[in-house]
Structure formats: structure tokens, C-alpha cells
Amino acid sequence: MDKMRSLSVVQLIAASLHKRTSDRCMAAVYLRRKFQARLCRKRIRDSTATAVRPSKRLLIRMWRKCLTLAMFGRAYSAQLRSPNRPMSRTIIATRAAPTAPPSYSQAVKAAGLVFVSGTAPVDPSTRQLVKGPVQAQVAQCLRNISAILEAAGSSLEKAVSATLIVADEEDFAGANEEWLKWFPSNPPARQGAKMPVRIPDMKVSIAMIAEA
């Protein structure tokens, strides 16, 4: 009987201790979860704050950069130019090359390039068409273009594109032969065309675009 009483007392004490331990565990779990929830909310607030601030700073920096480039940037000046404002251009004219007719200029300098009109094989000193094979006419055309480019502050070495206009298809091989003498390496881009109007003794005309 004493053993039963002592056993029941021990069980009661054990049950009480277990209950207290479980209560403490529950309390610890509750506090831990509450702390984790509070910490999570704090992290969310911190992350939101740090995510908003850089975006505002970035917008301010972008605005300042755009404003600076709009006022002083060369690369953006052409894009931000008013559509009603004409592009600046310079008309090139030199006596070292044949005089251009009233319908077009010898060359126009604009947008960092020099646009040379179709140039005939005319000797500027005599103002006469150079007669002879197509090779001689190609050489005279390139001499005239070289003088025009020099007047524009450029040269044949800065040529980026050319148009070779021939009167007869048979002369293309001879024109190409002389062309290679002037551009033995790294030649400019080139396209061919047929002369739309027949001019007596004129076999070739050359137009060119070069870097200013």
C-alpha cells in the first residue's frame, strides 16, 4: 500500500514535471515563432526600404546624365536636334578639280563625311575631257576626286564608298585594272552602274564618299 502510494506520488510528480516542461516548450516555441515573425517583418521593411532608395537615386542620376548629354553630349546632339533645324553642311569647291555645273556641287561635307559628286575625267587646267583608254580616264577622275577631298580636309585613304559608272560594259575590266593601282590594299566599298546619258568620248565617271 505504501509502495502504491509512493508510486502514485512519483507519477504525479513526473506528470507535473512533464506538464511544466511541455508548457515551457510550448512557450518557447511560441516565443521563437513570434520572434521569427517579427524578424521577418523587419527584414521585409529593410529590404523594401533598401530597394526603394537606390531606384530614386538611380532616377536622379539618369535624369542628370540625360540632361548633361542633352546640353553638352556630341553623340546625342544629332538625336536631340529639333526636326525643324537643318543639318549643318559645307559646300566644297576647288579650282584644282573641274568646275561643277549649277545643278550640283563638287562635294558636300556633312555628318562627318564628304560626299563627292560623280566626277568626270576632265583636266582642270585645260577644262577638256581626257581622251584615250578607260584607264587614263579613271586615273584623271581619281586625281580630281583627290583634289576635292583635299579641299575638304580629307583624302583618298579615308574613302569608305565609291560608285564606278561606266558607259560600256567592256570597259569595266580596264577600269578595274587602274582602280587596283590606286587602291592596292584595303579598298573602299564600291558599286557599279551604267552611265545614264551618253557623252561623246566619256567612258567613266566616279562618285565617292569619304570620312571628313
N, C-alpha and C. Protein backbone atom coordinates (compact mmCIF):
# COMPACT_ATOMS: atom_id res chain seq x y z
N MET A 1 0.85 -1.21 0.00
CA MET A 1 0.00 0.00 0.00
C MET A 1 0.86 1.23 0.00
N ASP A 2 1.96 1.20 0.82
CA ASP A 2 2.88 2.34 0.84
C ASP A 2 3.59 2.47 -0.50
N LYS A 3 3.90 1.26 -1.08
CA LYS A 3 4.55 1.32 -2.39
C LYS A 3 3.64 1.93 -3.43
N MET A 4 2.36 1.60 -3.40
CA MET A 4 1.40 2.15 -4.37
C MET A 4 1.28 3.66 -4.19
N ARG A 5 1.22 4.05 -2.86
CA ARG A 5 1.12 5.49 -2.61
C ARG A 5 2.38 6.21 -3.13
N SER A 6 3.55 5.61 -2.81
CA SER A 6 4.79 6.25 -3.24
C SER A 6 4.87 6.28 -4.77
N LEU A 7 4.39 5.25 -5.44
CA LEU A 7 4.40 5.19 -6.90
C LEU A 7 3.46 6.24 -7.48
N SER A 8 2.31 6.37 -6.86
CA SER A 8 1.36 7.37 -7.37
C SER A 8 1.90 8.77 -7.17
N VAL A 9 2.58 8.98 -6.04
CA VAL A 9 3.18 10.30 -5.81
C VAL A 9 4.25 10.59 -6.83
N VAL A 10 5.06 9.57 -7.10
CA VAL A 10 6.12 9.74 -8.11
C VAL A 10 5.51 10.02 -9.47
N GLN A 11 4.43 9.31 -9.79
CA GLN A 11 3.78 9.53 -11.09
C GLN A 11 3.19 10.93 -11.17
N LEU A 12 2.60 11.35 -10.04
CA LEU A 12 2.05 12.71 -10.03
C LEU A 12 3.15 13.75 -10.22
N ILE A 13 4.27 13.52 -9.51
CA ILE A 13 5.39 14.47 -9.65
C ILE A 13 5.93 14.46 -11.08
N ALA A 14 6.04 13.25 -11.63
CA ALA A 14 6.54 13.13 -13.01
C ALA A 14 5.59 13.78 -13.99
N ALA A 15 4.29 13.56 -13.76
CA ALA A 15 3.29 14.17 -14.65
C ALA A 15 3.34 15.68 -14.54
N SER A 16 3.52 16.15 -13.28
CA SER A 16 3.58 17.60 -13.10
C SER A 16 4.79 18.19 -13.79
N LEU A 17 5.95 17.48 -13.61
CA LEU A 17 7.16 17.96 -14.27
C LEU A 17 7.03 17.92 -15.79
N HIS A 18 6.41 16.84 -16.28
CA HIS A 18 6.22 16.74 -17.74
C HIS A 18 5.33 17.86 -18.26
N LYS A 19 4.29 18.17 -17.49
CA LYS A 19 3.36 19.22 -17.91
C LYS A 19 4.07 20.57 -17.93
N ARG A 20 4.87 20.76 -16.82
CA ARG A 20 5.59 22.03 -16.79
C ARG A 20 6.59 22.13 -17.95
N THR A 21 7.27 21.00 -18.21
CA THR A 21 8.24 21.00 -19.32
C THR A 21 7.56 21.24 -20.65
N SER A 22 6.44 20.58 -20.85
CA SER A 22 5.71 20.76 -22.11
C SER A 22 5.21 22.19 -22.23
N ASP A 23 4.74 22.74 -21.08
CA ASP A 23 4.28 24.13 -21.12
C ASP A 23 5.43 25.07 -21.46
N ARG A 24 6.58 24.75 -20.86
CA ARG A 24 7.73 25.60 -21.17
C ARG A 24 8.15 25.45 -22.64
N CYS A 25 8.09 24.25 -23.13
CA CYS A 25 8.42 24.03 -24.55
C CYS A 25 7.45 24.77 -25.45
N MET A 26 6.16 24.68 -25.10
CA MET A 26 5.16 25.40 -25.89
C MET A 26 5.41 26.89 -25.83
N ALA A 27 5.75 27.37 -24.63
CA ALA A 27 6.03 28.80 -24.50
C ALA A 27 7.25 29.18 -25.30
N ALA A 28 8.28 28.31 -25.25
CA ALA A 28 9.50 28.61 -26.01
C ALA A 28 9.22 28.61 -27.51
N VAL A 29 8.42 27.63 -27.97
CA VAL A 29 8.06 27.59 -29.39
C VAL A 29 7.28 28.83 -29.79
N TYR A 30 6.34 29.23 -28.93
CA TYR A 30 5.53 30.41 -29.21
C TYR A 30 6.40 31.66 -29.31
N LEU A 31 7.32 31.80 -28.32
CA LEU A 31 8.20 32.97 -28.35
C LEU A 31 9.14 32.95 -29.56
N ARG A 32 9.61 31.76 -29.89
CA ARG A 32 10.50 31.66 -31.04
C ARG A 32 9.78 32.03 -32.33
N ARG A 33 8.57 31.51 -32.49
CA ARG A 33 7.79 31.84 -33.69
C ARG A 33 7.44 33.32 -33.75
N LYS A 34 7.13 33.89 -32.60
CA LYS A 34 6.81 35.31 -32.55
C LYS A 34 8.03 36.15 -32.92
N PHE A 35 9.19 35.71 -32.39
CA PHE A 35 10.43 36.43 -32.70
C PHE A 35 10.76 36.30 -34.19
N GLN A 36 10.56 35.09 -34.74
CA GLN A 36 10.83 34.89 -36.16
C GLN A 36 9.90 35.74 -37.03
N ALA A 37 8.62 35.82 -36.66
CA ALA A 37 7.68 36.63 -37.41
C ALA A 37 8.07 38.10 -37.36
N ARG A 38 8.47 38.57 -36.16
CA ARG A 38 8.88 39.96 -36.01
C ARG A 38 10.14 40.23 -36.83
N LEU A 39 11.08 39.28 -36.77
CA LEU A 39 12.31 39.43 -37.54
C LEU A 39 12.04 39.43 -39.04
N CYS A 40 11.10 38.59 -39.46
CA CYS A 40 10.74 38.53 -40.87
C CYS A 40 10.14 39.85 -41.34
N ARG A 41 9.23 40.42 -40.52
CA ARG A 41 8.63 41.71 -40.88
C ARG A 41 9.69 42.80 -40.96
N LYS A 42 10.65 42.75 -40.04
CA LYS A 42 11.74 43.74 -40.06
C LYS A 42 12.58 43.61 -41.32
N ARG A 43 12.87 42.36 -41.69
CA ARG A 43 13.65 42.16 -42.90
C ARG A 43 12.91 42.65 -44.14
N ILE A 44 11.61 42.40 -44.14
CA ILE A 44 10.81 42.87 -45.28
C ILE A 44 10.84 44.39 -45.37
N ARG A 45 10.69 45.05 -44.20
CA ARG A 45 10.73 46.51 -44.19
C ARG A 45 12.09 47.02 -44.64
N ASP A 46 13.16 46.37 -44.14
CA ASP A 46 14.52 46.79 -44.50
C ASP A 46 14.77 46.58 -46.00
N SER A 47 14.37 45.40 -46.50
CA SER A 47 14.59 45.12 -47.92
C SER A 47 13.79 46.06 -48.79
N THR A 48 12.56 46.38 -48.38
CA THR A 48 11.75 47.32 -49.15
C THR A 48 12.37 48.70 -49.15
N ALA A 49 12.87 49.11 -47.99
CA ALA A 49 13.49 50.44 -47.90
C ALA A 49 14.74 50.51 -48.75
N THR A 50 15.58 49.46 -48.67
CA THR A 50 16.81 49.49 -49.46
C THR A 50 16.53 49.32 -50.94
N ALA A 51 15.39 48.71 -51.29
CA ALA A 51 15.05 48.57 -52.70
C ALA A 51 14.50 49.86 -53.28
N VAL A 52 13.88 50.69 -52.45
CA VAL A 52 13.27 51.92 -52.96
C VAL A 52 14.31 53.02 -53.11
N ARG A 53 15.21 53.11 -52.13
CA ARG A 53 16.17 54.21 -52.15
C ARG A 53 17.07 54.21 -53.38
N PRO A 54 17.67 53.04 -53.76
CA PRO A 54 18.51 53.08 -54.95
C PRO A 54 17.75 53.46 -56.21
N SER A 55 16.49 53.06 -56.33
CA SER A 55 15.73 53.41 -57.52
C SER A 55 15.54 54.91 -57.63
N LYS A 56 15.30 55.56 -56.51
CA LYS A 56 15.18 57.01 -56.54
C LYS A 56 16.51 57.65 -56.92
N ARG A 57 17.58 57.15 -56.31
CA ARG A 57 18.89 57.69 -56.66
C ARG A 57 19.23 57.43 -58.12
N LEU A 58 18.86 56.24 -58.60
CA LEU A 58 19.13 55.91 -59.99
C LEU A 58 18.37 56.82 -60.93
N LEU A 59 17.11 57.10 -60.61
CA LEU A 59 16.33 58.02 -61.43
C LEU A 59 16.95 59.41 -61.47
N ILE A 60 17.42 59.86 -60.32
CA ILE A 60 18.05 61.18 -60.27
C ILE A 60 19.33 61.19 -61.09
N ARG A 61 20.13 60.13 -60.96
CA ARG A 61 21.37 60.05 -61.73
C ARG A 61 21.10 59.98 -63.22
N MET A 62 20.09 59.20 -63.62
CA MET A 62 19.74 59.10 -65.03
C MET A 62 19.25 60.43 -65.58
N TRP A 63 18.47 61.13 -64.78
CA TRP A 63 17.96 62.43 -65.21
C TRP A 63 19.10 63.42 -65.39
N ARG A 64 20.03 63.44 -64.44
CA ARG A 64 21.17 64.33 -64.55
C ARG A 64 22.04 63.99 -65.76
N LYS A 65 22.23 62.69 -65.99
CA LYS A 65 23.05 62.27 -67.12
C LYS A 65 22.40 62.65 -68.45
N CYS A 66 21.09 62.41 -68.56
CA CYS A 66 20.38 62.78 -69.79
C CYS A 66 20.41 64.29 -70.02
N LEU A 67 20.25 65.04 -68.94
CA LEU A 67 20.28 66.49 -69.06
C LEU A 67 21.65 66.97 -69.50
N THR A 68 22.70 66.36 -68.94
CA THR A 68 24.06 66.75 -69.31
C THR A 68 24.35 66.39 -70.76
N LEU A 69 23.95 65.18 -71.17
CA LEU A 69 24.19 64.77 -72.55
C LEU A 69 23.36 65.60 -73.53
N ALA A 70 22.17 65.99 -73.13
CA ALA A 70 21.35 66.82 -74.00
C ALA A 70 21.96 68.20 -74.20
N MET A 71 22.64 68.69 -73.17
CA MET A 71 23.23 70.03 -73.27
C MET A 71 24.62 70.02 -73.88
N PHE A 72 25.43 68.98 -73.56
CA PHE A 72 26.83 69.01 -73.96
C PHE A 72 27.27 67.80 -74.77
N GLY A 73 26.49 66.72 -74.81
CA GLY A 73 26.95 65.50 -75.46
C GLY A 73 26.90 65.59 -76.97
N ARG A 74 28.00 65.22 -77.62
CA ARG A 74 28.06 65.25 -79.08
C ARG A 74 27.28 64.09 -79.69
N ALA A 75 27.39 62.93 -79.03
CA ALA A 75 26.73 61.74 -79.60
C ALA A 75 25.22 61.89 -79.64
N TYR A 76 24.64 62.62 -78.65
CA TYR A 76 23.19 62.75 -78.56
C TYR A 76 22.68 64.05 -79.19
N SER A 77 23.60 64.89 -79.63
CA SER A 77 23.16 66.18 -80.17
C SER A 77 22.35 66.00 -81.44
N ALA A 78 22.76 65.02 -82.28
CA ALA A 78 22.03 64.80 -83.53
C ALA A 78 20.64 64.22 -83.27
N GLN A 79 20.54 63.34 -82.25
CA GLN A 79 19.25 62.72 -81.95
C GLN A 79 18.30 63.71 -81.29
N LEU A 80 18.85 64.60 -80.47
CA LEU A 80 18.01 65.54 -79.74
C LEU A 80 17.79 66.84 -80.51
N ARG A 81 18.35 66.90 -81.71
CA ARG A 81 18.18 68.11 -82.51
C ARG A 81 16.72 68.27 -82.93
N SER A 82 16.28 69.51 -82.97
CA SER A 82 14.90 69.78 -83.39
C SER A 82 14.73 69.39 -84.84
N PRO A 83 13.60 68.75 -85.21
CA PRO A 83 13.42 68.35 -86.61
C PRO A 83 13.33 69.54 -87.56
N ASN A 84 12.99 70.71 -87.05
CA ASN A 84 12.90 71.89 -87.90
C ASN A 84 14.25 72.55 -88.14
N ARG A 85 15.26 72.11 -87.38
CA ARG A 85 16.58 72.70 -87.52
C ARG A 85 17.36 71.96 -88.61
N PRO A 86 17.83 72.64 -89.67
CA PRO A 86 18.53 71.95 -90.75
C PRO A 86 19.90 71.45 -90.31
N MET A 87 20.36 70.37 -90.92
CA MET A 87 21.68 69.83 -90.63
C MET A 87 22.74 70.76 -91.19
N SER A 88 23.77 71.01 -90.41
CA SER A 88 24.85 71.87 -90.89
C SER A 88 25.65 71.15 -91.96
N ARG A 89 25.96 71.83 -93.04
CA ARG A 89 26.73 71.24 -94.14
C ARG A 89 27.59 72.31 -94.77
N THR A 90 28.66 71.87 -95.40
CA THR A 90 29.61 72.77 -96.04
C THR A 90 29.75 72.38 -97.50
N ILE A 91 29.61 73.35 -98.38
CA ILE A 91 29.78 73.12 -99.81
C ILE A 91 31.27 73.21 -100.14
N ILE A 92 31.78 72.19 -100.80
CA ILE A 92 33.19 72.14 -101.17
C ILE A 92 33.34 72.53 -102.64
N ALA A 93 34.24 73.47 -102.88
CA ALA A 93 34.53 73.91 -104.24
C ALA A 93 36.01 74.24 -104.34
N THR A 94 36.66 73.70 -105.34
CA THR A 94 38.08 73.94 -105.54
C THR A 94 38.37 74.07 -107.04
N ARG A 95 39.36 74.92 -107.35
CA ARG A 95 39.77 75.09 -108.75
C ARG A 95 40.70 73.98 -109.21
N ALA A 96 41.16 73.15 -108.26
CA ALA A 96 42.03 72.05 -108.63
C ALA A 96 41.28 70.89 -109.26
N ALA A 97 39.96 71.00 -109.34
CA ALA A 97 39.12 69.98 -109.96
C ALA A 97 38.16 70.67 -110.93
N PRO A 98 37.58 69.91 -111.85
CA PRO A 98 36.65 70.53 -112.81
C PRO A 98 35.49 71.25 -112.12
N THR A 99 35.11 72.38 -112.64
CA THR A 99 34.01 73.15 -112.07
C THR A 99 32.69 72.39 -112.25
N ALA A 100 31.93 72.34 -111.19
CA ALA A 100 30.65 71.64 -111.24
C ALA A 100 29.60 72.52 -111.90
N PRO A 101 28.63 71.92 -112.59
CA PRO A 101 27.54 72.71 -113.18
C PRO A 101 26.63 73.28 -112.10
N PRO A 102 25.72 74.19 -112.46
CA PRO A 102 24.84 74.79 -111.44
C PRO A 102 23.90 73.80 -110.76
N SER A 103 23.72 72.61 -111.32
CA SER A 103 22.75 71.65 -110.77
C SER A 103 23.26 70.89 -109.55
N TYR A 104 24.57 70.87 -109.32
CA TYR A 104 25.10 70.17 -108.14
C TYR A 104 26.46 70.74 -107.79
N SER A 105 26.94 70.39 -106.59
CA SER A 105 28.23 70.86 -106.09
C SER A 105 29.30 69.80 -106.33
N GLN A 106 30.56 70.23 -106.27
CA GLN A 106 31.65 69.26 -106.37
C GLN A 106 31.55 68.24 -105.25
N ALA A 107 31.29 68.73 -104.05
CA ALA A 107 31.16 67.86 -102.89
C ALA A 107 30.44 68.61 -101.79
N VAL A 108 29.89 67.85 -100.85
CA VAL A 108 29.22 68.41 -99.68
C VAL A 108 29.78 67.70 -98.45
N LYS A 109 30.15 68.49 -97.47
CA LYS A 109 30.68 67.96 -96.22
C LYS A 109 29.60 68.05 -95.16
N ALA A 110 29.18 66.91 -94.62
CA ALA A 110 28.11 66.88 -93.62
C ALA A 110 28.19 65.58 -92.84
N ALA A 111 27.76 65.65 -91.56
CA ALA A 111 27.67 64.47 -90.69
C ALA A 111 28.97 63.70 -90.60
N GLY A 112 30.10 64.41 -90.64
CA GLY A 112 31.40 63.76 -90.52
C GLY A 112 31.87 63.05 -91.76
N LEU A 113 31.18 63.27 -92.90
CA LEU A 113 31.55 62.63 -94.16
C LEU A 113 31.66 63.67 -95.27
N VAL A 114 32.35 63.29 -96.33
CA VAL A 114 32.46 64.12 -97.53
C VAL A 114 31.83 63.35 -98.68
N PHE A 115 30.79 63.93 -99.28
CA PHE A 115 30.07 63.30 -100.38
C PHE A 115 30.51 63.97 -101.68
N VAL A 116 31.28 63.24 -102.49
CA VAL A 116 31.79 63.77 -103.75
C VAL A 116 30.85 63.36 -104.87
N SER A 117 30.44 64.33 -105.66
CA SER A 117 29.55 64.04 -106.78
C SER A 117 30.28 63.24 -107.85
N GLY A 118 29.51 62.69 -108.78
CA GLY A 118 30.11 61.99 -109.90
C GLY A 118 31.06 62.91 -110.66
N THR A 119 32.32 62.50 -110.73
CA THR A 119 33.37 63.34 -111.30
C THR A 119 33.79 62.80 -112.66
N ALA A 120 33.84 63.71 -113.64
CA ALA A 120 34.21 63.33 -115.00
C ALA A 120 35.72 63.41 -115.19
N PRO A 121 36.25 62.70 -116.16
CA PRO A 121 37.69 62.74 -116.44
C PRO A 121 38.09 63.99 -117.22
N VAL A 122 37.92 65.12 -116.58
CA VAL A 122 38.23 66.41 -117.21
C VAL A 122 39.48 66.97 -116.57
N ASP A 123 40.40 67.45 -117.40
CA ASP A 123 41.61 68.07 -116.90
C ASP A 123 41.26 69.50 -116.46
N PRO A 124 41.43 69.84 -115.17
CA PRO A 124 41.03 71.17 -114.71
C PRO A 124 41.87 72.30 -115.29
N SER A 125 43.08 71.99 -115.74
CA SER A 125 43.93 73.04 -116.31
C SER A 125 43.48 73.44 -117.71
N THR A 126 43.02 72.47 -118.50
CA THR A 126 42.56 72.76 -119.87
C THR A 126 41.04 72.76 -119.99
N ARG A 127 40.37 72.21 -118.95
CA ARG A 127 38.91 72.07 -118.97
C ARG A 127 38.43 71.22 -120.15
N GLN A 128 39.26 70.30 -120.55
CA GLN A 128 38.93 69.41 -121.66
C GLN A 128 38.88 67.98 -121.16
N LEU A 129 38.03 67.20 -121.81
CA LEU A 129 37.90 65.80 -121.47
C LEU A 129 39.16 65.05 -121.89
N VAL A 130 39.69 64.26 -120.99
CA VAL A 130 40.88 63.47 -121.29
C VAL A 130 40.47 62.31 -122.18
N LYS A 131 41.00 62.28 -123.41
CA LYS A 131 40.66 61.21 -124.34
C LYS A 131 41.69 60.10 -124.24
N GLY A 132 41.25 58.91 -124.58
CA GLY A 132 42.15 57.77 -124.50
C GLY A 132 41.45 56.58 -123.88
N PRO A 133 42.23 55.59 -123.46
CA PRO A 133 41.63 54.38 -122.88
C PRO A 133 40.96 54.68 -121.55
N VAL A 134 40.18 53.73 -121.10
CA VAL A 134 39.44 53.92 -119.86
C VAL A 134 40.37 54.04 -118.66
N GLN A 135 41.54 53.42 -118.74
CA GLN A 135 42.49 53.52 -117.64
C GLN A 135 42.91 54.98 -117.41
N ALA A 136 43.17 55.71 -118.48
CA ALA A 136 43.57 57.11 -118.36
C ALA A 136 42.45 57.96 -117.79
N GLN A 137 41.23 57.64 -118.16
CA GLN A 137 40.09 58.41 -117.65
C GLN A 137 39.83 58.12 -116.17
N VAL A 138 39.99 56.86 -115.78
CA VAL A 138 39.84 56.53 -114.35
C VAL A 138 40.89 57.26 -113.52
N ALA A 139 42.11 57.30 -114.01
CA ALA A 139 43.18 57.99 -113.30
C ALA A 139 42.87 59.48 -113.16
N GLN A 140 42.34 60.10 -114.22
CA GLN A 140 42.00 61.52 -114.15
C GLN A 140 40.84 61.77 -113.18
N CYS A 141 39.86 60.89 -113.18
CA CYS A 141 38.74 61.01 -112.23
C CYS A 141 39.25 60.95 -110.79
N LEU A 142 40.13 60.02 -110.51
CA LEU A 142 40.64 59.88 -109.14
C LEU A 142 41.54 61.05 -108.75
N ARG A 143 42.27 61.62 -109.72
CA ARG A 143 43.06 62.82 -109.42
C ARG A 143 42.14 63.98 -109.05
N ASN A 144 41.06 64.12 -109.78
CA ASN A 144 40.10 65.19 -109.47
C ASN A 144 39.45 64.97 -108.11
N ILE A 145 39.06 63.73 -107.82
CA ILE A 145 38.45 63.43 -106.52
C ILE A 145 39.44 63.66 -105.39
N SER A 146 40.70 63.30 -105.62
CA SER A 146 41.71 63.53 -104.60
C SER A 146 41.85 65.02 -104.29
N ALA A 147 41.79 65.88 -105.31
CA ALA A 147 41.87 67.33 -105.10
C ALA A 147 40.65 67.83 -104.34
N ILE A 148 39.48 67.29 -104.64
CA ILE A 148 38.26 67.72 -103.94
C ILE A 148 38.31 67.30 -102.48
N LEU A 149 38.74 66.06 -102.24
CA LEU A 149 38.83 65.59 -100.85
C LEU A 149 39.88 66.38 -100.07
N GLU A 150 40.96 66.74 -100.71
CA GLU A 150 41.98 67.54 -100.03
C GLU A 150 41.43 68.92 -99.66
N ALA A 151 40.61 69.49 -100.53
CA ALA A 151 39.98 70.78 -100.20
C ALA A 151 39.02 70.66 -99.04
N ALA A 152 38.46 69.46 -98.85
CA ALA A 152 37.53 69.22 -97.74
C ALA A 152 38.23 68.74 -96.48
N GLY A 153 39.57 68.65 -96.52
CA GLY A 153 40.31 68.17 -95.35
C GLY A 153 40.36 66.66 -95.25
N SER A 154 40.15 65.96 -96.35
CA SER A 154 40.16 64.51 -96.35
C SER A 154 41.14 64.01 -97.41
N SER A 155 41.07 62.74 -97.73
CA SER A 155 41.97 62.16 -98.73
C SER A 155 41.38 60.85 -99.23
N LEU A 156 42.03 60.29 -100.26
CA LEU A 156 41.57 59.01 -100.79
C LEU A 156 41.75 57.88 -99.79
N GLU A 157 42.72 58.03 -98.88
CA GLU A 157 42.92 56.99 -97.86
C GLU A 157 41.73 56.88 -96.91
N LYS A 158 40.92 57.93 -96.84
CA LYS A 158 39.75 57.91 -95.95
C LYS A 158 38.46 57.56 -96.70
N ALA A 159 38.59 57.14 -97.94
CA ALA A 159 37.41 56.78 -98.73
C ALA A 159 36.73 55.56 -98.14
N VAL A 160 35.40 55.61 -98.03
CA VAL A 160 34.65 54.48 -97.47
C VAL A 160 33.72 53.84 -98.50
N SER A 161 33.36 54.58 -99.53
CA SER A 161 32.46 54.01 -100.54
C SER A 161 32.65 54.77 -101.85
N ALA A 162 32.49 54.05 -102.95
CA ALA A 162 32.65 54.65 -104.28
C ALA A 162 31.66 54.02 -105.25
N THR A 163 31.32 54.79 -106.26
CA THR A 163 30.45 54.30 -107.32
C THR A 163 31.17 54.48 -108.65
N LEU A 164 31.43 53.39 -109.33
CA LEU A 164 32.11 53.41 -110.62
C LEU A 164 31.06 53.32 -111.73
N ILE A 165 30.96 54.38 -112.52
CA ILE A 165 29.93 54.47 -113.56
C ILE A 165 30.63 54.39 -114.91
N VAL A 166 30.30 53.36 -115.67
CA VAL A 166 30.93 53.15 -116.97
C VAL A 166 29.89 53.30 -118.08
N ALA A 167 30.38 53.68 -119.25
CA ALA A 167 29.48 53.82 -120.40
C ALA A 167 29.26 52.47 -121.08
N ASP A 168 30.29 51.65 -121.18
CA ASP A 168 30.21 50.34 -121.83
C ASP A 168 30.68 49.26 -120.86
N GLU A 169 30.01 48.15 -120.90
CA GLU A 169 30.39 47.05 -120.02
C GLU A 169 31.79 46.53 -120.33
N GLU A 170 32.22 46.66 -121.61
CA GLU A 170 33.54 46.17 -121.99
C GLU A 170 34.67 46.93 -121.30
N ASP A 171 34.41 48.14 -120.83
CA ASP A 171 35.45 48.95 -120.20
C ASP A 171 35.61 48.66 -118.71
N PHE A 172 34.77 47.80 -118.18
CA PHE A 172 34.82 47.57 -116.73
C PHE A 172 36.13 46.91 -116.32
N ALA A 173 36.62 45.97 -117.12
CA ALA A 173 37.86 45.27 -116.77
C ALA A 173 39.04 46.25 -116.75
N GLY A 174 39.12 47.13 -117.75
CA GLY A 174 40.19 48.11 -117.78
C GLY A 174 40.08 49.12 -116.64
N ALA A 175 38.86 49.53 -116.31
CA ALA A 175 38.66 50.45 -115.20
C ALA A 175 39.08 49.80 -113.88
N ASN A 176 38.78 48.53 -113.73
CA ASN A 176 39.16 47.82 -112.50
C ASN A 176 40.67 47.66 -112.41
N GLU A 177 41.33 47.51 -113.56
CA GLU A 177 42.79 47.39 -113.58
C GLU A 177 43.44 48.67 -113.04
N GLU A 178 42.98 49.84 -113.48
CA GLU A 178 43.53 51.10 -112.99
C GLU A 178 43.13 51.36 -111.54
N TRP A 179 41.94 50.91 -111.18
CA TRP A 179 41.46 51.11 -109.80
C TRP A 179 42.38 50.43 -108.79
N LEU A 180 42.86 49.24 -109.14
CA LEU A 180 43.73 48.50 -108.23
C LEU A 180 45.08 49.18 -108.05
N LYS A 181 45.49 49.99 -108.99
CA LYS A 181 46.74 50.73 -108.83
C LYS A 181 46.59 51.83 -107.78
N TRP A 182 45.40 52.39 -107.66
CA TRP A 182 45.16 53.45 -106.69
C TRP A 182 44.81 52.90 -105.32
N PHE A 183 44.18 51.72 -105.32
CA PHE A 183 43.79 51.09 -104.06
C PHE A 183 44.32 49.65 -104.04
N PRO A 184 45.62 49.48 -103.82
CA PRO A 184 46.19 48.12 -103.85
C PRO A 184 45.78 47.27 -102.66
N SER A 185 45.45 47.91 -101.54
CA SER A 185 45.04 47.15 -100.34
C SER A 185 43.98 47.95 -99.59
N ASN A 186 43.13 47.23 -98.90
CA ASN A 186 42.04 47.84 -98.12
C ASN A 186 41.25 48.86 -98.93
N PRO A 187 40.73 48.47 -100.09
CA PRO A 187 39.98 49.44 -100.90
C PRO A 187 38.64 49.77 -100.27
N PRO A 188 38.03 50.89 -100.66
CA PRO A 188 36.71 51.23 -100.13
C PRO A 188 35.63 50.33 -100.71
N ALA A 189 34.48 50.36 -100.08
CA ALA A 189 33.33 49.65 -100.66
C ALA A 189 33.00 50.28 -102.01
N ARG A 190 32.48 49.48 -102.92
CA ARG A 190 32.26 50.00 -104.28
C ARG A 190 31.06 49.33 -104.92
N GLN A 191 30.35 50.09 -105.70
CA GLN A 191 29.27 49.56 -106.51
C GLN A 191 29.40 50.11 -107.93
N GLY A 192 28.89 49.36 -108.87
CA GLY A 192 28.99 49.76 -110.28
C GLY A 192 27.64 50.19 -110.84
N ALA A 193 27.71 51.00 -111.87
CA ALA A 193 26.48 51.47 -112.53
C ALA A 193 26.82 51.79 -113.99
N LYS A 194 25.78 51.87 -114.76
CA LYS A 194 25.96 52.23 -116.17
C LYS A 194 25.55 53.67 -116.38
N MET A 195 26.33 54.37 -117.18
CA MET A 195 26.11 55.79 -117.40
C MET A 195 24.74 56.00 -118.05
N PRO A 196 23.87 56.84 -117.43
CA PRO A 196 22.51 57.00 -117.97
C PRO A 196 22.45 57.83 -119.25
N VAL A 197 23.42 58.72 -119.44
CA VAL A 197 23.43 59.59 -120.61
C VAL A 197 24.76 59.43 -121.33
N ARG A 198 24.70 59.27 -122.63
CA ARG A 198 25.90 59.12 -123.43
C ARG A 198 26.52 60.48 -123.70
N ILE A 199 27.80 60.62 -123.34
CA ILE A 199 28.57 61.83 -123.60
C ILE A 199 29.73 61.43 -124.50
N PRO A 200 29.93 62.11 -125.60
CA PRO A 200 30.99 61.72 -126.54
C PRO A 200 32.36 61.61 -125.87
N ASP A 201 33.03 60.50 -126.11
CA ASP A 201 34.39 60.20 -125.64
C ASP A 201 34.50 60.05 -124.12
N MET A 202 33.41 60.10 -123.41
CA MET A 202 33.44 59.92 -121.96
C MET A 202 33.08 58.47 -121.63
N LYS A 203 34.04 57.78 -121.01
CA LYS A 203 33.86 56.35 -120.76
C LYS A 203 33.56 56.03 -119.30
N VAL A 204 33.86 56.94 -118.39
CA VAL A 204 33.72 56.61 -116.98
C VAL A 204 33.48 57.88 -116.17
N SER A 205 32.82 57.70 -115.04
CA SER A 205 32.62 58.76 -114.05
C SER A 205 32.62 58.07 -112.68
N ILE A 206 33.15 58.78 -111.66
CA ILE A 206 33.29 58.17 -110.34
C ILE A 206 32.74 59.11 -109.28
N ALA A 207 31.92 58.57 -108.40
CA ALA A 207 31.43 59.28 -107.21
C ALA A 207 32.01 58.60 -105.98
N MET A 208 32.18 59.37 -104.89
CA MET A 208 32.85 58.79 -103.73
C MET A 208 32.34 59.42 -102.44
N ILE A 209 32.41 58.64 -101.36
CA ILE A 209 32.12 59.10 -100.01
C ILE A 209 33.34 58.81 -99.14
N ALA A 210 33.80 59.80 -98.41
CA ALA A 210 34.99 59.65 -97.58
C ALA A 210 34.76 60.24 -96.20
N GLU A 211 35.54 59.77 -95.26
CA GLU A 211 35.48 60.34 -93.92
C GLU A 211 36.10 61.72 -93.91
N ALA A 212 35.46 62.65 -93.22
CA ALA A 212 35.95 64.03 -93.19
C ALA A 212 37.23 64.13 -92.37
